[in-house]
Amino acid sequence: MPDTDNGLPAPTPIVTEEARPYWEAAAQGRLLLPRCPACATVIWYPRSFCPDCLAADVEWFEATGTGTVYSYTVVRTGQADHPAYRGTAVYVLAYVELAEGVRVMTDIVGCAPEDVHCGQPVRAVFVPTGDGRTALVRFTPLAP
């Protein structure tokens, strides 16, 4: 089983009411996303309205949890903006394009930074934050 944290911190997120279903599902090891019932847009970041057609309601569905690395950067010590990541030696920050079509910003774990590449198939892994109610969604390479 791949290392699902690469030594990265897992800070507890701020959970808003409109994103609560996403965070609760992540804590259960499931990737739940909102979709607009009016125009079928899959929405990222989770919210209670559609940013495309402005419909005032969304439906939640379980995503596959798979995708590909769209873009990435290797962050080195001293470059992190988030206080929890300061002092972390090296990690990969990436945009992953999910099978459902949206791109999410995330960390790539379970491999060395030099092994990450654009187009790489990945799958979601869930890292508990320690509050017992949330988990962070990160991605790890799929086995060839």
N, C-alpha and C. Protein backbone atom coordinates (compact mmCIF):
# COMPACT_ATOMS: atom_id res chain seq x y z
N MET A 1 0.85 -1.19 0.00
CA MET A 1 0.00 0.00 0.00
C MET A 1 0.88 1.24 0.00
N PRO A 2 0.56 2.23 -0.84
CA PRO A 2 1.40 3.42 -0.91
C PRO A 2 1.29 4.27 0.34
N ASP A 3 2.34 5.04 0.59
CA ASP A 3 2.35 6.00 1.67
C ASP A 3 1.35 7.09 1.32
N THR A 4 0.29 7.24 2.12
CA THR A 4 -0.77 8.18 1.76
C THR A 4 -0.56 9.56 2.34
N ASP A 5 0.57 9.81 2.98
CA ASP A 5 0.78 11.17 3.45
C ASP A 5 2.15 11.75 3.10
N ASN A 6 3.10 10.91 2.72
CA ASN A 6 4.45 11.37 2.40
C ASN A 6 5.00 12.30 3.48
N GLY A 7 4.55 12.12 4.71
CA GLY A 7 5.02 12.96 5.81
C GLY A 7 4.37 14.33 5.83
N LEU A 8 3.33 14.53 5.03
CA LEU A 8 2.66 15.83 4.98
C LEU A 8 1.73 16.01 6.17
N PRO A 9 1.56 17.25 6.61
CA PRO A 9 0.58 17.51 7.66
C PRO A 9 -0.84 17.30 7.11
N ALA A 10 -1.79 17.13 7.99
CA ALA A 10 -3.20 17.00 7.60
C ALA A 10 -4.01 17.98 8.42
N PRO A 11 -3.93 19.28 8.07
CA PRO A 11 -4.65 20.28 8.85
C PRO A 11 -6.16 20.12 8.72
N THR A 12 -6.86 20.37 9.81
CA THR A 12 -8.32 20.28 9.81
C THR A 12 -8.89 21.42 8.97
N PRO A 13 -9.74 21.09 8.00
CA PRO A 13 -10.31 22.14 7.14
C PRO A 13 -11.41 22.92 7.84
N ILE A 14 -11.69 24.08 7.30
CA ILE A 14 -12.87 24.83 7.74
C ILE A 14 -14.05 24.26 6.96
N VAL A 15 -15.03 23.72 7.66
CA VAL A 15 -16.16 23.05 7.01
C VAL A 15 -17.36 24.00 6.99
N THR A 16 -17.73 24.42 5.79
CA THR A 16 -18.93 25.25 5.64
C THR A 16 -20.14 24.34 5.48
N GLU A 17 -21.32 24.87 5.71
CA GLU A 17 -22.53 24.07 5.57
C GLU A 17 -22.70 23.55 4.15
N GLU A 18 -22.39 24.38 3.15
CA GLU A 18 -22.61 23.92 1.78
C GLU A 18 -21.61 22.87 1.34
N ALA A 19 -20.44 22.77 1.98
CA ALA A 19 -19.45 21.74 1.64
C ALA A 19 -19.47 20.56 2.61
N ARG A 20 -20.32 20.61 3.62
CA ARG A 20 -20.36 19.55 4.64
C ARG A 20 -20.51 18.14 4.05
N PRO A 21 -21.39 17.91 3.05
CA PRO A 21 -21.50 16.54 2.50
C PRO A 21 -20.17 16.02 1.93
N TYR A 22 -19.41 16.90 1.30
CA TYR A 22 -18.10 16.52 0.76
C TYR A 22 -17.18 16.04 1.88
N TRP A 23 -17.06 16.84 2.96
CA TRP A 23 -16.14 16.51 4.04
C TRP A 23 -16.58 15.27 4.81
N GLU A 24 -17.89 15.11 5.02
CA GLU A 24 -18.37 13.93 5.73
C GLU A 24 -18.10 12.66 4.92
N ALA A 25 -18.29 12.74 3.61
CA ALA A 25 -18.00 11.57 2.75
C ALA A 25 -16.51 11.26 2.75
N ALA A 26 -15.66 12.29 2.68
CA ALA A 26 -14.21 12.07 2.69
C ALA A 26 -13.79 11.35 3.96
N ALA A 27 -14.40 11.69 5.08
CA ALA A 27 -14.08 11.02 6.35
C ALA A 27 -14.45 9.53 6.30
N GLN A 28 -15.38 9.17 5.41
CA GLN A 28 -15.79 7.78 5.23
C GLN A 28 -15.03 7.11 4.09
N GLY A 29 -14.08 7.82 3.48
CA GLY A 29 -13.30 7.25 2.39
C GLY A 29 -14.02 7.28 1.05
N ARG A 30 -14.92 8.26 0.88
CA ARG A 30 -15.67 8.38 -0.38
C ARG A 30 -15.50 9.79 -0.92
N LEU A 31 -15.43 9.89 -2.24
CA LEU A 31 -15.32 11.19 -2.90
C LEU A 31 -16.70 11.57 -3.42
N LEU A 32 -17.32 12.53 -2.77
CA LEU A 32 -18.67 12.98 -3.11
C LEU A 32 -18.56 14.36 -3.74
N LEU A 33 -19.21 14.54 -4.88
CA LEU A 33 -19.17 15.82 -5.59
C LEU A 33 -20.58 16.33 -5.87
N PRO A 34 -20.74 17.64 -5.97
CA PRO A 34 -22.03 18.19 -6.36
C PRO A 34 -22.14 18.27 -7.89
N ARG A 35 -23.38 18.10 -8.37
CA ARG A 35 -23.67 18.22 -9.80
C ARG A 35 -24.97 19.01 -9.94
N CYS A 36 -25.02 19.84 -10.95
CA CYS A 36 -26.22 20.63 -11.21
C CYS A 36 -27.26 19.77 -11.92
N PRO A 37 -28.46 19.63 -11.36
CA PRO A 37 -29.48 18.85 -12.05
C PRO A 37 -30.04 19.56 -13.29
N ALA A 38 -29.86 20.87 -13.37
CA ALA A 38 -30.39 21.61 -14.52
C ALA A 38 -29.50 21.51 -15.75
N CYS A 39 -28.16 21.61 -15.57
CA CYS A 39 -27.27 21.62 -16.73
C CYS A 39 -26.22 20.51 -16.71
N ALA A 40 -26.21 19.68 -15.66
CA ALA A 40 -25.32 18.52 -15.51
C ALA A 40 -23.86 18.89 -15.25
N THR A 41 -23.57 20.14 -14.92
CA THR A 41 -22.21 20.55 -14.60
C THR A 41 -21.77 19.92 -13.28
N VAL A 42 -20.60 19.28 -13.30
CA VAL A 42 -20.00 18.79 -12.06
C VAL A 42 -19.24 19.98 -11.47
N ILE A 43 -19.42 20.21 -10.19
CA ILE A 43 -18.97 21.44 -9.56
C ILE A 43 -17.80 21.19 -8.63
N TRP A 44 -16.77 22.02 -8.78
CA TRP A 44 -15.66 22.05 -7.83
C TRP A 44 -15.32 23.50 -7.62
N TYR A 45 -15.20 23.92 -6.50
CA TYR A 45 -15.24 23.51 -5.14
C TYR A 45 -16.70 23.37 -4.71
N PRO A 46 -17.01 22.38 -3.85
CA PRO A 46 -18.40 22.13 -3.47
C PRO A 46 -19.13 23.40 -3.00
N ARG A 47 -20.28 23.61 -3.58
CA ARG A 47 -21.13 24.76 -3.20
C ARG A 47 -22.58 24.39 -3.47
N SER A 48 -23.48 25.22 -3.04
CA SER A 48 -24.90 24.89 -3.10
C SER A 48 -25.61 25.46 -4.32
N PHE A 49 -24.86 26.02 -5.27
CA PHE A 49 -25.46 26.53 -6.51
C PHE A 49 -24.52 26.21 -7.67
N CYS A 50 -25.05 26.30 -8.88
CA CYS A 50 -24.26 26.01 -10.06
C CYS A 50 -23.57 27.28 -10.55
N PRO A 51 -22.25 27.27 -10.66
CA PRO A 51 -21.56 28.46 -11.15
C PRO A 51 -21.74 28.68 -12.66
N ASP A 52 -22.23 27.66 -13.38
CA ASP A 52 -22.44 27.80 -14.82
C ASP A 52 -23.80 28.40 -15.17
N CYS A 53 -24.87 27.80 -14.64
CA CYS A 53 -26.21 28.28 -15.00
C CYS A 53 -26.92 28.99 -13.85
N LEU A 54 -26.26 29.05 -12.69
CA LEU A 54 -26.76 29.72 -11.48
C LEU A 54 -28.00 29.06 -10.88
N ALA A 55 -28.26 27.79 -11.23
CA ALA A 55 -29.34 27.05 -10.58
C ALA A 55 -29.06 27.03 -9.08
N ALA A 56 -30.11 27.14 -8.30
CA ALA A 56 -29.96 27.31 -6.86
C ALA A 56 -29.95 26.01 -6.06
N ASP A 57 -29.72 24.90 -6.72
CA ASP A 57 -29.69 23.63 -6.00
C ASP A 57 -28.71 22.69 -6.69
N VAL A 58 -28.16 21.76 -5.94
CA VAL A 58 -27.26 20.75 -6.50
C VAL A 58 -27.66 19.38 -5.97
N GLU A 59 -27.23 18.34 -6.68
CA GLU A 59 -27.37 16.98 -6.18
C GLU A 59 -25.97 16.43 -5.97
N TRP A 60 -25.83 15.54 -5.00
CA TRP A 60 -24.53 14.97 -4.68
C TRP A 60 -24.45 13.57 -5.24
N PHE A 61 -23.27 13.20 -5.75
CA PHE A 61 -23.07 11.85 -6.27
C PHE A 61 -21.66 11.38 -5.91
N GLU A 62 -21.49 10.07 -5.85
CA GLU A 62 -20.18 9.51 -5.53
C GLU A 62 -19.35 9.42 -6.80
N ALA A 63 -18.21 10.09 -6.79
CA ALA A 63 -17.30 10.10 -7.93
C ALA A 63 -16.44 8.84 -7.92
N THR A 64 -15.79 8.58 -9.05
CA THR A 64 -14.95 7.38 -9.16
C THR A 64 -13.70 7.47 -8.30
N GLY A 65 -13.23 8.70 -8.07
CA GLY A 65 -11.98 8.85 -7.31
C GLY A 65 -10.74 8.64 -8.15
N THR A 66 -10.91 8.59 -9.47
CA THR A 66 -9.77 8.42 -10.36
C THR A 66 -9.64 9.65 -11.26
N GLY A 67 -8.44 9.83 -11.78
CA GLY A 67 -8.19 10.95 -12.68
C GLY A 67 -6.77 10.90 -13.20
N THR A 68 -6.32 12.02 -13.74
CA THR A 68 -4.95 12.14 -14.23
C THR A 68 -4.35 13.46 -13.76
N VAL A 69 -3.03 13.45 -13.60
CA VAL A 69 -2.33 14.67 -13.22
C VAL A 69 -2.41 15.63 -14.42
N TYR A 70 -3.01 16.78 -14.21
CA TYR A 70 -3.14 17.79 -15.26
C TYR A 70 -1.92 18.71 -15.27
N SER A 71 -1.51 19.12 -14.08
CA SER A 71 -0.36 20.01 -13.91
C SER A 71 0.15 19.82 -12.49
N TYR A 72 1.42 20.13 -12.26
CA TYR A 72 1.95 19.98 -10.90
C TYR A 72 3.19 20.84 -10.72
N THR A 73 3.55 21.02 -9.46
CA THR A 73 4.79 21.66 -9.12
C THR A 73 5.35 20.98 -7.88
N VAL A 74 6.66 21.00 -7.76
CA VAL A 74 7.31 20.46 -6.57
C VAL A 74 7.60 21.63 -5.64
N VAL A 75 7.03 21.57 -4.45
CA VAL A 75 7.21 22.63 -3.46
C VAL A 75 8.34 22.22 -2.52
N ARG A 76 9.28 23.10 -2.32
CA ARG A 76 10.44 22.80 -1.48
C ARG A 76 10.38 23.62 -0.19
N THR A 77 11.14 23.21 0.79
CA THR A 77 11.16 23.87 2.09
C THR A 77 11.23 25.38 1.94
N GLY A 78 10.37 26.05 2.68
CA GLY A 78 10.37 27.51 2.69
C GLY A 78 9.46 28.14 1.66
N GLN A 79 8.87 27.34 0.76
CA GLN A 79 8.00 27.90 -0.26
C GLN A 79 6.52 27.82 0.10
N ALA A 80 6.17 27.08 1.11
CA ALA A 80 4.75 26.85 1.44
C ALA A 80 4.11 28.09 2.04
N ASP A 81 2.90 28.38 1.59
CA ASP A 81 2.15 29.50 2.15
C ASP A 81 1.33 29.09 3.37
N HIS A 82 0.76 27.88 3.35
CA HIS A 82 -0.08 27.43 4.46
C HIS A 82 0.81 27.14 5.67
N PRO A 83 0.49 27.71 6.82
CA PRO A 83 1.34 27.52 8.01
C PRO A 83 1.61 26.06 8.36
N ALA A 84 0.64 25.17 8.15
CA ALA A 84 0.83 23.77 8.50
C ALA A 84 1.90 23.11 7.64
N TYR A 85 2.14 23.64 6.44
CA TYR A 85 3.10 23.04 5.52
C TYR A 85 4.49 23.64 5.63
N ARG A 86 4.64 24.72 6.34
CA ARG A 86 5.96 25.33 6.49
C ARG A 86 6.88 24.35 7.20
N GLY A 87 8.06 24.19 6.67
CA GLY A 87 9.01 23.25 7.24
C GLY A 87 8.92 21.87 6.63
N THR A 88 7.89 21.62 5.81
CA THR A 88 7.78 20.34 5.11
C THR A 88 8.84 20.33 4.02
N ALA A 89 9.65 19.30 3.99
CA ALA A 89 10.81 19.27 3.09
C ALA A 89 10.43 19.45 1.62
N VAL A 90 9.77 18.50 1.04
CA VAL A 90 9.42 18.55 -0.38
C VAL A 90 8.08 17.84 -0.55
N TYR A 91 7.19 18.43 -1.34
CA TYR A 91 5.94 17.75 -1.66
C TYR A 91 5.45 18.21 -3.03
N VAL A 92 4.51 17.45 -3.57
CA VAL A 92 3.98 17.74 -4.90
C VAL A 92 2.57 18.30 -4.76
N LEU A 93 2.38 19.50 -5.27
CA LEU A 93 1.08 20.15 -5.34
C LEU A 93 0.63 20.04 -6.79
N ALA A 94 -0.60 19.56 -7.01
CA ALA A 94 -1.03 19.29 -8.38
C ALA A 94 -2.49 19.64 -8.61
N TYR A 95 -2.80 19.83 -9.88
CA TYR A 95 -4.19 19.81 -10.33
C TYR A 95 -4.41 18.43 -10.91
N VAL A 96 -5.43 17.75 -10.41
CA VAL A 96 -5.83 16.45 -10.94
C VAL A 96 -7.15 16.64 -11.65
N GLU A 97 -7.20 16.18 -12.90
CA GLU A 97 -8.46 16.20 -13.63
C GLU A 97 -9.17 14.89 -13.35
N LEU A 98 -10.30 14.98 -12.66
CA LEU A 98 -11.05 13.78 -12.30
C LEU A 98 -11.73 13.19 -13.53
N ALA A 99 -12.05 11.91 -13.47
CA ALA A 99 -12.78 11.24 -14.55
C ALA A 99 -14.09 11.97 -14.85
N GLU A 100 -14.63 12.66 -13.86
CA GLU A 100 -15.89 13.38 -14.01
C GLU A 100 -15.71 14.74 -14.69
N GLY A 101 -14.45 15.13 -14.98
CA GLY A 101 -14.19 16.33 -15.75
C GLY A 101 -13.72 17.56 -15.01
N VAL A 102 -13.88 17.61 -13.70
CA VAL A 102 -13.42 18.79 -12.97
C VAL A 102 -11.97 18.62 -12.54
N ARG A 103 -11.31 19.74 -12.32
CA ARG A 103 -9.93 19.73 -11.85
C ARG A 103 -9.89 20.18 -10.40
N VAL A 104 -9.18 19.42 -9.58
CA VAL A 104 -9.06 19.72 -8.16
C VAL A 104 -7.60 19.94 -7.80
N MET A 105 -7.36 20.89 -6.92
CA MET A 105 -6.00 21.09 -6.41
C MET A 105 -5.80 20.13 -5.24
N THR A 106 -4.66 19.46 -5.23
CA THR A 106 -4.43 18.40 -4.26
C THR A 106 -2.93 18.14 -4.12
N ASP A 107 -2.59 17.21 -3.27
CA ASP A 107 -1.21 16.74 -3.15
C ASP A 107 -1.12 15.36 -3.80
N ILE A 108 0.03 15.07 -4.39
CA ILE A 108 0.31 13.73 -4.91
C ILE A 108 1.21 13.05 -3.89
N VAL A 109 0.80 11.87 -3.45
CA VAL A 109 1.54 11.12 -2.44
C VAL A 109 1.77 9.70 -2.93
N GLY A 110 2.57 8.96 -2.20
CA GLY A 110 2.79 7.56 -2.53
C GLY A 110 3.87 7.34 -3.59
N CYS A 111 4.61 8.39 -3.90
CA CYS A 111 5.71 8.25 -4.86
C CYS A 111 6.68 9.40 -4.63
N ALA A 112 7.85 9.28 -5.22
CA ALA A 112 8.85 10.35 -5.14
C ALA A 112 8.42 11.50 -6.05
N PRO A 113 8.69 12.74 -5.66
CA PRO A 113 8.31 13.88 -6.50
C PRO A 113 8.81 13.76 -7.94
N GLU A 114 9.99 13.22 -8.13
CA GLU A 114 10.54 13.12 -9.49
C GLU A 114 9.82 12.08 -10.35
N ASP A 115 8.97 11.25 -9.74
CA ASP A 115 8.21 10.25 -10.50
C ASP A 115 6.87 10.77 -10.99
N VAL A 116 6.46 11.96 -10.57
CA VAL A 116 5.18 12.52 -10.99
C VAL A 116 5.33 13.11 -12.39
N HIS A 117 4.29 12.92 -13.22
CA HIS A 117 4.31 13.52 -14.56
C HIS A 117 2.89 13.83 -15.01
N CYS A 118 2.76 14.79 -15.90
CA CYS A 118 1.46 15.15 -16.45
C CYS A 118 0.90 13.95 -17.22
N GLY A 119 -0.40 13.75 -17.09
CA GLY A 119 -1.06 12.62 -17.73
C GLY A 119 -1.02 11.35 -16.91
N GLN A 120 -0.35 11.38 -15.77
CA GLN A 120 -0.21 10.18 -14.92
C GLN A 120 -1.57 9.81 -14.31
N PRO A 121 -1.99 8.55 -14.45
CA PRO A 121 -3.24 8.11 -13.81
C PRO A 121 -3.07 8.05 -12.29
N VAL A 122 -4.07 8.56 -11.58
CA VAL A 122 -4.03 8.59 -10.12
C VAL A 122 -5.39 8.21 -9.55
N ARG A 123 -5.38 7.88 -8.26
CA ARG A 123 -6.63 7.58 -7.54
C ARG A 123 -6.62 8.29 -6.20
N ALA A 124 -7.80 8.54 -5.69
CA ALA A 124 -7.95 9.24 -4.41
C ALA A 124 -7.56 8.35 -3.25
N VAL A 125 -6.92 8.96 -2.26
CA VAL A 125 -6.68 8.34 -0.96
C VAL A 125 -7.15 9.35 0.09
N PHE A 126 -7.54 8.88 1.23
CA PHE A 126 -8.15 9.73 2.24
C PHE A 126 -7.31 9.73 3.51
N VAL A 127 -6.93 10.92 3.94
CA VAL A 127 -6.03 11.07 5.08
C VAL A 127 -6.79 11.75 6.21
N PRO A 128 -7.05 11.04 7.32
CA PRO A 128 -7.76 11.65 8.44
C PRO A 128 -7.03 12.87 8.97
N THR A 129 -7.78 13.88 9.37
CA THR A 129 -7.18 15.11 9.89
C THR A 129 -6.95 15.06 11.38
N GLY A 130 -7.53 14.11 12.05
CA GLY A 130 -7.33 14.02 13.49
C GLY A 130 -8.49 14.56 14.30
N ASP A 131 -9.45 15.23 13.62
CA ASP A 131 -10.60 15.73 14.37
C ASP A 131 -11.71 14.68 14.44
N GLY A 132 -11.53 13.54 13.73
CA GLY A 132 -12.50 12.46 13.75
C GLY A 132 -13.71 12.70 12.87
N ARG A 133 -13.77 13.86 12.20
CA ARG A 133 -14.95 14.18 11.38
C ARG A 133 -14.61 14.50 9.94
N THR A 134 -13.33 14.70 9.63
CA THR A 134 -12.95 15.06 8.27
C THR A 134 -11.70 14.29 7.85
N ALA A 135 -11.49 14.25 6.54
CA ALA A 135 -10.28 13.68 5.97
C ALA A 135 -9.92 14.51 4.74
N LEU A 136 -8.63 14.60 4.46
CA LEU A 136 -8.19 15.28 3.26
C LEU A 136 -8.13 14.28 2.12
N VAL A 137 -8.49 14.73 0.93
CA VAL A 137 -8.40 13.88 -0.24
C VAL A 137 -7.09 14.22 -0.96
N ARG A 138 -6.25 13.20 -1.08
CA ARG A 138 -5.01 13.33 -1.82
C ARG A 138 -5.03 12.27 -2.90
N PHE A 139 -4.04 12.28 -3.78
CA PHE A 139 -4.03 11.30 -4.88
C PHE A 139 -2.69 10.60 -4.94
N THR A 140 -2.74 9.34 -5.34
CA THR A 140 -1.56 8.51 -5.46
C THR A 140 -1.57 7.85 -6.84
N PRO A 141 -0.41 7.58 -7.41
CA PRO A 141 -0.39 6.95 -8.73
C PRO A 141 -1.07 5.59 -8.74
N LEU A 142 -1.76 5.32 -9.85
CA LEU A 142 -2.33 4.00 -10.07
C LEU A 142 -1.21 3.07 -10.51
N ALA A 143 -1.28 1.83 -10.08
CA ALA A 143 -0.27 0.85 -10.50
C ALA A 143 -0.40 0.65 -12.00
N PRO A 144 0.73 0.51 -12.70
CA PRO A 144 0.66 0.33 -14.16
C PRO A 144 0.00 -0.97 -14.56
